[in-house]
Amino acid sequence: MTTVKLRKWDSAEYLKTDEDMALYLEACFEEAGEDAAFIAKALGTIARAKGMTQLARDTGLGRESLYKALSGEGNPSFATILKVTRVLGIKLHAEVLPTHAEGRAGETRAAPATPSA
């Protein structure tokens, strides 16, 4: 009988290019729904692929703090997420969900309020 050795899958080993990383994160956004920890862990995977030590230096955050925050177990602040994505070269963007776009067709918006002097 042959013994088969299995090893734990690590997506970071397969994220070689910036495009790989962007597509990976995009797929994670699709899968995550409202699971913020899933997205934090996906960013952690990308960070490990790029190099966590360098990321820590470039963001000014502690390496261990980053590992924890981006592990899926941590709860990173939005400021941390913005720093990490900027340093990783990832741009977050917003788009209207199809169900929201259909329901709002023809609606008009009020002009934005101007700040008081």
N, C-alpha and C. Protein backbone atom coordinates (compact mmCIF):
# COMPACT_ATOMS: atom_id res chain seq x y z
N MET A 1 0.84 -1.17 0.00
CA MET A 1 0.00 0.00 0.00
C MET A 1 0.90 1.24 0.00
N THR A 2 0.55 2.20 -0.84
CA THR A 2 1.31 3.43 -0.95
C THR A 2 0.78 4.46 0.03
N THR A 3 1.69 5.13 0.69
CA THR A 3 1.32 6.19 1.61
C THR A 3 1.32 7.51 0.86
N VAL A 4 0.26 8.25 1.00
CA VAL A 4 0.15 9.55 0.35
C VAL A 4 0.38 10.62 1.41
N LYS A 5 1.31 11.53 1.12
CA LYS A 5 1.56 12.64 2.03
C LYS A 5 0.78 13.85 1.53
N LEU A 6 0.04 14.42 2.42
CA LEU A 6 -0.72 15.63 2.10
C LEU A 6 -0.11 16.80 2.84
N ARG A 7 -0.24 17.94 2.24
CA ARG A 7 0.26 19.13 2.91
C ARG A 7 -0.81 20.21 2.84
N LYS A 8 -0.84 21.05 3.82
CA LYS A 8 -1.86 22.09 3.92
C LYS A 8 -1.72 23.07 2.74
N TRP A 9 -2.85 23.39 2.12
CA TRP A 9 -2.88 24.34 1.01
C TRP A 9 -2.61 25.74 1.54
N ASP A 10 -1.72 26.45 0.87
CA ASP A 10 -1.44 27.84 1.23
C ASP A 10 -1.52 28.68 -0.04
N SER A 11 -2.58 29.43 -0.17
CA SER A 11 -2.80 30.25 -1.36
C SER A 11 -1.66 31.23 -1.61
N ALA A 12 -1.00 31.67 -0.55
CA ALA A 12 0.09 32.65 -0.69
C ALA A 12 1.20 32.12 -1.60
N GLU A 13 1.39 30.81 -1.62
CA GLU A 13 2.44 30.22 -2.47
C GLU A 13 2.13 30.36 -3.96
N TYR A 14 0.88 30.61 -4.30
CA TYR A 14 0.47 30.66 -5.70
C TYR A 14 0.15 32.06 -6.19
N LEU A 15 0.29 33.03 -5.33
CA LEU A 15 0.06 34.42 -5.71
C LEU A 15 1.39 35.04 -6.12
N LYS A 16 1.70 34.94 -7.39
CA LYS A 16 3.02 35.36 -7.89
C LYS A 16 3.05 36.78 -8.43
N THR A 17 1.95 37.22 -9.03
CA THR A 17 1.93 38.54 -9.67
C THR A 17 0.90 39.44 -8.99
N ASP A 18 1.02 40.74 -9.25
CA ASP A 18 0.03 41.68 -8.72
C ASP A 18 -1.36 41.35 -9.25
N GLU A 19 -1.43 40.92 -10.51
CA GLU A 19 -2.73 40.55 -11.09
C GLU A 19 -3.31 39.33 -10.36
N ASP A 20 -2.46 38.34 -10.05
CA ASP A 20 -2.93 37.17 -9.28
C ASP A 20 -3.55 37.63 -7.97
N MET A 21 -2.87 38.56 -7.31
CA MET A 21 -3.33 39.03 -6.00
C MET A 21 -4.64 39.79 -6.10
N ALA A 22 -4.76 40.64 -7.12
CA ALA A 22 -6.00 41.41 -7.31
C ALA A 22 -7.16 40.48 -7.63
N LEU A 23 -6.94 39.50 -8.49
CA LEU A 23 -8.00 38.55 -8.85
C LEU A 23 -8.39 37.68 -7.65
N TYR A 24 -7.41 37.30 -6.86
CA TYR A 24 -7.67 36.52 -5.65
C TYR A 24 -8.56 37.32 -4.70
N LEU A 25 -8.21 38.59 -4.47
CA LEU A 25 -9.00 39.42 -3.55
C LEU A 25 -10.40 39.65 -4.11
N GLU A 26 -10.51 39.85 -5.41
CA GLU A 26 -11.82 40.03 -6.03
C GLU A 26 -12.69 38.78 -5.81
N ALA A 27 -12.11 37.61 -6.00
CA ALA A 27 -12.85 36.36 -5.77
C ALA A 27 -13.26 36.24 -4.30
N CYS A 28 -12.38 36.65 -3.40
CA CYS A 28 -12.70 36.60 -1.97
C CYS A 28 -13.84 37.55 -1.63
N PHE A 29 -13.87 38.73 -2.25
CA PHE A 29 -14.99 39.65 -2.03
C PHE A 29 -16.30 39.00 -2.47
N GLU A 30 -16.27 38.30 -3.59
CA GLU A 30 -17.47 37.63 -4.09
C GLU A 30 -17.95 36.55 -3.12
N GLU A 31 -17.02 35.81 -2.54
CA GLU A 31 -17.36 34.70 -1.66
C GLU A 31 -17.72 35.14 -0.24
N ALA A 32 -17.15 36.25 0.21
CA ALA A 32 -17.23 36.63 1.62
C ALA A 32 -18.61 37.07 2.09
N GLY A 33 -19.38 37.64 1.20
CA GLY A 33 -20.64 38.23 1.66
C GLY A 33 -20.32 39.35 2.64
N GLU A 34 -20.79 39.24 3.86
CA GLU A 34 -20.53 40.26 4.88
C GLU A 34 -19.50 39.80 5.91
N ASP A 35 -18.74 38.79 5.58
CA ASP A 35 -17.75 38.22 6.50
C ASP A 35 -16.44 39.01 6.44
N ALA A 36 -16.32 40.01 7.30
CA ALA A 36 -15.13 40.87 7.32
C ALA A 36 -13.87 40.08 7.65
N ALA A 37 -13.97 39.08 8.50
CA ALA A 37 -12.80 38.27 8.87
C ALA A 37 -12.26 37.52 7.65
N PHE A 38 -13.14 37.10 6.77
CA PHE A 38 -12.73 36.41 5.54
C PHE A 38 -11.87 37.33 4.68
N ILE A 39 -12.29 38.59 4.56
CA ILE A 39 -11.54 39.57 3.77
C ILE A 39 -10.22 39.90 4.45
N ALA A 40 -10.22 40.06 5.76
CA ALA A 40 -8.98 40.33 6.49
C ALA A 40 -7.99 39.19 6.27
N LYS A 41 -8.48 37.96 6.32
CA LYS A 41 -7.60 36.81 6.11
C LYS A 41 -7.08 36.78 4.67
N ALA A 42 -7.92 37.15 3.71
CA ALA A 42 -7.48 37.21 2.31
C ALA A 42 -6.37 38.25 2.15
N LEU A 43 -6.52 39.40 2.80
CA LEU A 43 -5.45 40.41 2.77
C LEU A 43 -4.19 39.88 3.43
N GLY A 44 -4.35 39.10 4.50
CA GLY A 44 -3.21 38.48 5.16
C GLY A 44 -2.49 37.50 4.24
N THR A 45 -3.24 36.76 3.45
CA THR A 45 -2.65 35.82 2.49
C THR A 45 -1.84 36.59 1.45
N ILE A 46 -2.39 37.67 0.94
CA ILE A 46 -1.67 38.50 -0.03
C ILE A 46 -0.44 39.11 0.62
N ALA A 47 -0.57 39.57 1.85
CA ALA A 47 0.56 40.16 2.58
C ALA A 47 1.69 39.15 2.75
N ARG A 48 1.34 37.90 3.07
CA ARG A 48 2.37 36.86 3.21
C ARG A 48 3.03 36.57 1.87
N ALA A 49 2.26 36.63 0.79
CA ALA A 49 2.82 36.40 -0.54
C ALA A 49 3.82 37.49 -0.90
N LYS A 50 3.53 38.71 -0.51
CA LYS A 50 4.42 39.85 -0.80
C LYS A 50 5.57 39.95 0.19
N GLY A 51 5.34 39.53 1.43
CA GLY A 51 6.36 39.63 2.47
C GLY A 51 5.88 40.47 3.63
N MET A 52 5.54 39.81 4.71
CA MET A 52 4.95 40.49 5.87
C MET A 52 5.94 41.45 6.54
N THR A 53 7.21 41.09 6.58
CA THR A 53 8.20 41.96 7.22
C THR A 53 8.30 43.30 6.50
N GLN A 54 8.37 43.26 5.17
CA GLN A 54 8.45 44.49 4.39
C GLN A 54 7.15 45.29 4.52
N LEU A 55 6.04 44.60 4.54
CA LEU A 55 4.75 45.27 4.70
C LEU A 55 4.70 46.01 6.04
N ALA A 56 5.20 45.36 7.08
CA ALA A 56 5.23 45.99 8.41
C ALA A 56 6.07 47.26 8.37
N ARG A 57 7.23 47.18 7.73
CA ARG A 57 8.09 48.38 7.62
C ARG A 57 7.38 49.49 6.86
N ASP A 58 6.79 49.13 5.72
CA ASP A 58 6.19 50.14 4.85
C ASP A 58 4.92 50.76 5.43
N THR A 59 4.21 50.03 6.26
CA THR A 59 2.99 50.57 6.87
C THR A 59 3.26 51.24 8.21
N GLY A 60 4.41 50.93 8.81
CA GLY A 60 4.71 51.46 10.14
C GLY A 60 3.99 50.69 11.24
N LEU A 61 3.46 49.53 10.90
CA LEU A 61 2.75 48.70 11.88
C LEU A 61 3.64 47.53 12.28
N GLY A 62 3.44 46.98 13.45
CA GLY A 62 4.23 45.85 13.92
C GLY A 62 3.91 44.58 13.14
N ARG A 63 4.93 43.79 12.86
CA ARG A 63 4.75 42.55 12.10
C ARG A 63 3.79 41.60 12.80
N GLU A 64 3.98 41.41 14.10
CA GLU A 64 3.09 40.52 14.85
C GLU A 64 1.66 41.05 14.88
N SER A 65 1.53 42.37 15.00
CA SER A 65 0.19 42.98 14.98
C SER A 65 -0.49 42.74 13.64
N LEU A 66 0.29 42.84 12.56
CA LEU A 66 -0.27 42.59 11.23
C LEU A 66 -0.70 41.13 11.08
N TYR A 67 0.17 40.22 11.52
CA TYR A 67 -0.19 38.80 11.44
C TYR A 67 -1.52 38.55 12.16
N LYS A 68 -1.66 39.13 13.35
CA LYS A 68 -2.89 38.92 14.13
C LYS A 68 -4.08 39.58 13.45
N ALA A 69 -3.92 40.84 13.05
CA ALA A 69 -5.03 41.58 12.44
C ALA A 69 -5.52 40.93 11.15
N LEU A 70 -4.58 40.37 10.38
CA LEU A 70 -4.92 39.81 9.07
C LEU A 70 -5.03 38.29 9.08
N SER A 71 -5.26 37.73 10.24
CA SER A 71 -5.33 36.27 10.36
C SER A 71 -6.75 35.74 10.19
N GLY A 72 -7.72 36.61 10.25
CA GLY A 72 -9.10 36.17 10.27
C GLY A 72 -9.62 36.10 11.69
N GLU A 73 -8.70 36.10 12.66
CA GLU A 73 -9.06 36.08 14.08
C GLU A 73 -9.04 37.49 14.66
N GLY A 74 -8.28 38.38 14.03
CA GLY A 74 -8.16 39.75 14.53
C GLY A 74 -9.33 40.60 14.06
N ASN A 75 -9.28 41.85 14.41
CA ASN A 75 -10.33 42.79 14.02
C ASN A 75 -9.65 44.10 13.62
N PRO A 76 -9.04 44.13 12.42
CA PRO A 76 -8.28 45.32 12.04
C PRO A 76 -9.18 46.53 11.84
N SER A 77 -8.65 47.69 12.19
CA SER A 77 -9.40 48.92 11.96
C SER A 77 -9.42 49.20 10.46
N PHE A 78 -10.36 50.04 10.06
CA PHE A 78 -10.42 50.40 8.64
C PHE A 78 -9.16 51.15 8.24
N ALA A 79 -8.59 51.93 9.16
CA ALA A 79 -7.34 52.64 8.88
C ALA A 79 -6.23 51.64 8.56
N THR A 80 -6.18 50.53 9.30
CA THR A 80 -5.17 49.49 9.04
C THR A 80 -5.40 48.88 7.67
N ILE A 81 -6.65 48.58 7.34
CA ILE A 81 -6.98 48.01 6.02
C ILE A 81 -6.54 48.96 4.92
N LEU A 82 -6.81 50.25 5.08
CA LEU A 82 -6.41 51.23 4.06
C LEU A 82 -4.90 51.31 3.91
N LYS A 83 -4.16 51.29 5.03
CA LYS A 83 -2.70 51.31 4.96
C LYS A 83 -2.18 50.08 4.24
N VAL A 84 -2.71 48.93 4.61
CA VAL A 84 -2.25 47.66 4.03
C VAL A 84 -2.54 47.63 2.53
N THR A 85 -3.75 47.98 2.13
CA THR A 85 -4.08 47.93 0.70
C THR A 85 -3.24 48.92 -0.09
N ARG A 86 -2.99 50.10 0.47
CA ARG A 86 -2.15 51.08 -0.23
C ARG A 86 -0.76 50.53 -0.47
N VAL A 87 -0.15 49.99 0.58
CA VAL A 87 1.22 49.46 0.47
C VAL A 87 1.26 48.24 -0.45
N LEU A 88 0.21 47.43 -0.44
CA LEU A 88 0.17 46.26 -1.31
C LEU A 88 -0.12 46.64 -2.76
N GLY A 89 -0.50 47.89 -2.99
CA GLY A 89 -0.80 48.33 -4.35
C GLY A 89 -2.18 47.89 -4.81
N ILE A 90 -3.09 47.73 -3.85
CA ILE A 90 -4.45 47.30 -4.16
C ILE A 90 -5.40 48.47 -3.95
N LYS A 91 -6.24 48.71 -4.93
CA LYS A 91 -7.21 49.80 -4.85
C LYS A 91 -8.59 49.22 -4.56
N LEU A 92 -9.20 49.70 -3.51
CA LEU A 92 -10.58 49.32 -3.21
C LEU A 92 -11.50 50.25 -3.99
N HIS A 93 -12.59 49.72 -4.51
CA HIS A 93 -13.54 50.57 -5.21
C HIS A 93 -14.96 50.11 -4.91
N ALA A 94 -15.90 50.96 -5.22
CA ALA A 94 -17.30 50.65 -4.96
C ALA A 94 -18.06 50.60 -6.27
N GLU A 95 -19.05 49.73 -6.31
CA GLU A 95 -19.96 49.69 -7.45
C GLU A 95 -21.35 49.38 -6.92
N VAL A 96 -22.34 49.78 -7.68
CA VAL A 96 -23.72 49.55 -7.28
C VAL A 96 -24.06 48.08 -7.52
N LEU A 97 -24.66 47.45 -6.53
CA LEU A 97 -25.11 46.07 -6.69
C LEU A 97 -26.27 46.03 -7.67
N PRO A 98 -26.34 45.02 -8.52
CA PRO A 98 -27.42 44.96 -9.52
C PRO A 98 -28.82 45.11 -8.92
N THR A 99 -29.09 44.52 -7.79
CA THR A 99 -30.42 44.61 -7.19
C THR A 99 -30.74 46.03 -6.73
N HIS A 100 -29.72 46.78 -6.35
CA HIS A 100 -29.94 48.17 -5.92
C HIS A 100 -30.10 49.08 -7.12
N ALA A 101 -29.38 48.82 -8.18
CA ALA A 101 -29.45 49.66 -9.38
C ALA A 101 -30.84 49.55 -10.01
N GLU A 102 -31.39 48.34 -10.07
CA GLU A 102 -32.71 48.13 -10.67
C GLU A 102 -33.80 48.82 -9.86
N GLY A 103 -33.70 48.74 -8.56
CA GLY A 103 -34.72 49.31 -7.69
C GLY A 103 -34.70 50.82 -7.64
N ARG A 104 -33.63 51.43 -8.08
CA ARG A 104 -33.50 52.88 -7.96
C ARG A 104 -33.58 53.58 -9.32
N ALA A 105 -33.84 52.86 -10.37
CA ALA A 105 -33.91 53.48 -11.69
C ALA A 105 -34.96 54.58 -11.67
N GLY A 106 -34.61 55.71 -12.19
CA GLY A 106 -35.54 56.82 -12.28
C GLY A 106 -35.62 57.69 -11.05
N GLU A 107 -35.00 57.28 -9.95
CA GLU A 107 -35.01 58.11 -8.75
C GLU A 107 -34.14 59.34 -8.97
N THR A 108 -34.50 60.43 -8.34
CA THR A 108 -33.65 61.61 -8.40
C THR A 108 -33.07 61.84 -7.02
N ARG A 109 -31.94 62.46 -7.02
CA ARG A 109 -31.27 62.75 -5.74
C ARG A 109 -31.33 64.24 -5.45
N ALA A 110 -31.38 64.54 -4.20
CA ALA A 110 -31.30 65.94 -3.77
C ALA A 110 -29.86 66.40 -3.90
N ALA A 111 -29.68 67.67 -4.12
CA ALA A 111 -28.32 68.22 -4.20
C ALA A 111 -27.65 68.05 -2.85
N PRO A 112 -26.34 67.79 -2.85
CA PRO A 112 -25.64 67.64 -1.57
C PRO A 112 -25.70 68.93 -0.76
N ALA A 113 -25.80 68.78 0.53
CA ALA A 113 -25.83 69.93 1.43
C ALA A 113 -24.48 70.62 1.42
N THR A 114 -24.49 71.92 1.47
CA THR A 114 -23.24 72.66 1.54
C THR A 114 -22.94 72.97 2.99
N PRO A 115 -21.66 72.89 3.36
CA PRO A 115 -21.30 73.16 4.75
C PRO A 115 -21.62 74.60 5.14
N SER A 116 -22.04 74.78 6.37
CA SER A 116 -22.31 76.13 6.89
C SER A 116 -21.01 76.83 7.20
N ALA A 117 -21.01 78.10 7.00
CA ALA A 117 -19.80 78.87 7.29
C ALA A 117 -19.76 79.28 8.73
